C-alpha atoms as a PDB file:
ATOM      1  CA  MET A   1     112.127 101.915 113.292  1.00  0.00           C
ATOM      2  CA  LEU A   2     110.247 102.152 110.198  1.00  0.00           C
ATOM      3  CA  TYR A   3     106.889 103.913 111.972  1.00  0.00           C
ATOM      4  CA  ARG A   4     109.440 105.954 113.356  1.00  0.00           C
ATOM      5  CA  ALA A   5     111.198 106.998 110.312  1.00  0.00           C
ATOM      6  CA  LYS A   6     107.511 107.489 108.807  1.00  0.00           C
ATOM      7  CA  ARG A   7     106.337 109.787 111.720  1.00  0.00           C
ATOM      8  CA  ALA A   8     109.819 111.678 111.035  1.00  0.00           C
ATOM      9  CA  GLY A   9     108.620 112.423 107.520  1.00  0.00           C
ATOM     10  CA  THR A  10     110.175 113.395 104.727  1.00  0.00           C
ATOM     11  CA  GLN A  11     113.882 114.699 104.060  1.00  0.00           C
ATOM     12  CA  GLN A  12     114.877 113.202 107.674  1.00  0.00           C
ATOM     13  CA  VAL A  13     117.557 110.400 108.483  1.00  0.00           C
ATOM     14  CA  CYS A  14     117.066 107.905 111.545  1.00  0.00           C
ATOM     15  CA  PHE A  15     119.694 105.983 112.623  1.00  0.00           C
ATOM     16  CA  TYR A  16     118.981 102.259 113.998  1.00  0.00           C
ATOM     17  CA  THR A  17     119.290 102.103 118.202  1.00  0.00           C
ATOM     18  CA  GLU A  18     119.540  99.557 120.582  1.00  0.00           C
ATOM     19  CA  ASP A  19     116.531 100.380 121.943  1.00  0.00           C
ATOM     20  CA  ASP A  20     114.863  99.379 118.743  1.00  0.00           C
ATOM     21  CA  THR A  21     116.679  95.839 119.155  1.00  0.00           C
ATOM     22  CA  THR A  22     115.380  95.752 122.673  1.00  0.00           C
ATOM     23  CA  SER A  23     111.912  96.230 121.418  1.00  0.00           C
ATOM     24  CA  ALA A  24     112.008  93.971 118.132  1.00  0.00           C
ATOM     25  CA  LEU A  25     113.043  91.420 120.266  1.00  0.00           C
ATOM     26  CA  GLU A  26     110.401  92.275 122.998  1.00  0.00           C
ATOM     27  CA  ARG A  27     107.896  92.065 120.442  1.00  0.00           C
ATOM     28  CA  LEU A  28     109.351  88.737 119.179  1.00  0.00           C
ATOM     29  CA  GLU A  29     109.060  86.927 122.453  1.00  0.00           C
ATOM     30  CA  LEU A  30     105.396  88.589 123.151  1.00  0.00           C
ATOM     31  CA  GLU A  31     104.379  86.653 119.540  1.00  0.00           C
ATOM     32  CA  ASN A  32     106.455  83.500 120.503  1.00  0.00           C
ATOM     33  CA  ASP A  33     104.648  83.042 123.842  1.00  0.00           C
ATOM     34  CA  LEU A  34     101.384  83.432 121.921  1.00  0.00           C
ATOM     35  CA  ARG A  35     101.811  81.158 119.549  1.00  0.00           C
ATOM     36  CA  ARG A  36     103.107  78.353 122.025  1.00  0.00           C
ATOM     37  CA  ALA A  37      99.878  79.625 124.364  1.00  0.00           C
ATOM     38  CA  LEU A  38      97.548  78.918 121.191  1.00  0.00           C
ATOM     39  CA  ALA A  39      99.102  75.799 120.449  1.00  0.00           C
ATOM     40  CA  LEU A  40      98.930  74.306 123.950  1.00  0.00           C
ATOM     41  CA  ALA A  41      95.083  75.230 124.402  1.00  0.00           C
ATOM     42  CA  GLU A  42      96.118  77.992 127.205  1.00  0.00           C
ATOM     43  CA  PHE A  43      93.117  79.953 126.705  1.00  0.00           C
ATOM     44  CA  GLU A  44      90.140  80.597 128.837  1.00  0.00           C
ATOM     45  CA  LEU A  45      86.911  82.359 127.633  1.00  0.00           C
ATOM     46  CA  HIS A  46      85.302  84.365 130.698  1.00  0.00           C
ATOM     47  CA  TYR A  47      82.012  85.211 130.038  1.00  0.00           C
ATOM     48  CA  GLN A  48      80.556  88.754 131.519  1.00  0.00           C
ATOM     49  CA  PRO A  49      76.904  89.670 131.202  1.00  0.00           C
ATOM     50  CA  ARG A  50      75.848  92.869 130.782  1.00  0.00           C
ATOM     51  CA  ALA A  51      72.492  94.012 131.737  1.00  0.00           C
ATOM     52  CA  ASN A  52      71.146  97.431 132.137  1.00  0.00           C
ATOM     53  CA  LEU A  53      70.057  96.933 136.045  1.00  0.00           C
ATOM     54  CA  ALA A  54      67.788 100.076 136.371  1.00  0.00           C
ATOM     55  CA  ALA A  55      65.410  98.585 133.727  1.00  0.00           C
ATOM     56  CA  LEU A  56      65.423  95.147 135.094  1.00  0.00           C
ATOM     57  CA  ASP A  57      62.560  93.785 138.197  1.00  0.00           C
ATOM     58  CA  ALA A  58      63.480  91.850 140.927  1.00  0.00           C
ATOM     59  CA  ASP A  59      61.691  89.051 139.005  1.00  0.00           C
ATOM     60  CA  TRP A  60      64.188  88.812 136.522  1.00  0.00           C
ATOM     61  CA  TYR A  61      66.796  88.626 139.194  1.00  0.00           C
ATOM     62  CA  VAL A  62      65.661  85.220 140.983  1.00  0.00           C
ATOM     63  CA  SER A  63      65.167  83.780 137.313  1.00  0.00           C
ATOM     64  CA  ASN A  64      68.555  84.226 135.581  1.00  0.00           C
ATOM     65  CA  ALA A  65      70.844  84.370 138.768  1.00  0.00           C
ATOM     66  CA  HIS A  66      71.519  80.810 138.063  1.00  0.00           C
ATOM     67  CA  LYS A  67      73.001  81.847 134.471  1.00  0.00           C
ATOM     68  CA  TRP A  68      76.093  83.515 136.507  1.00  0.00           C
ATOM     69  CA  LEU A  69      76.705  81.315 138.908  1.00  0.00           C
END
């Protein structure tokens, strides 16, 4: 709501709507879900290596393939 009013500029009037309530509740629910997941250690980190395949030769693929499994 505040950001919408600021974007409207000066000398403007903005009214609070039911959509503002819905948006605020959705954001609060997401924040609570993230806090709960963090407290319960429900996050996992997955690593995906990046490589310039055009610059690598076949020996590199063979010697480093085990790192991706």
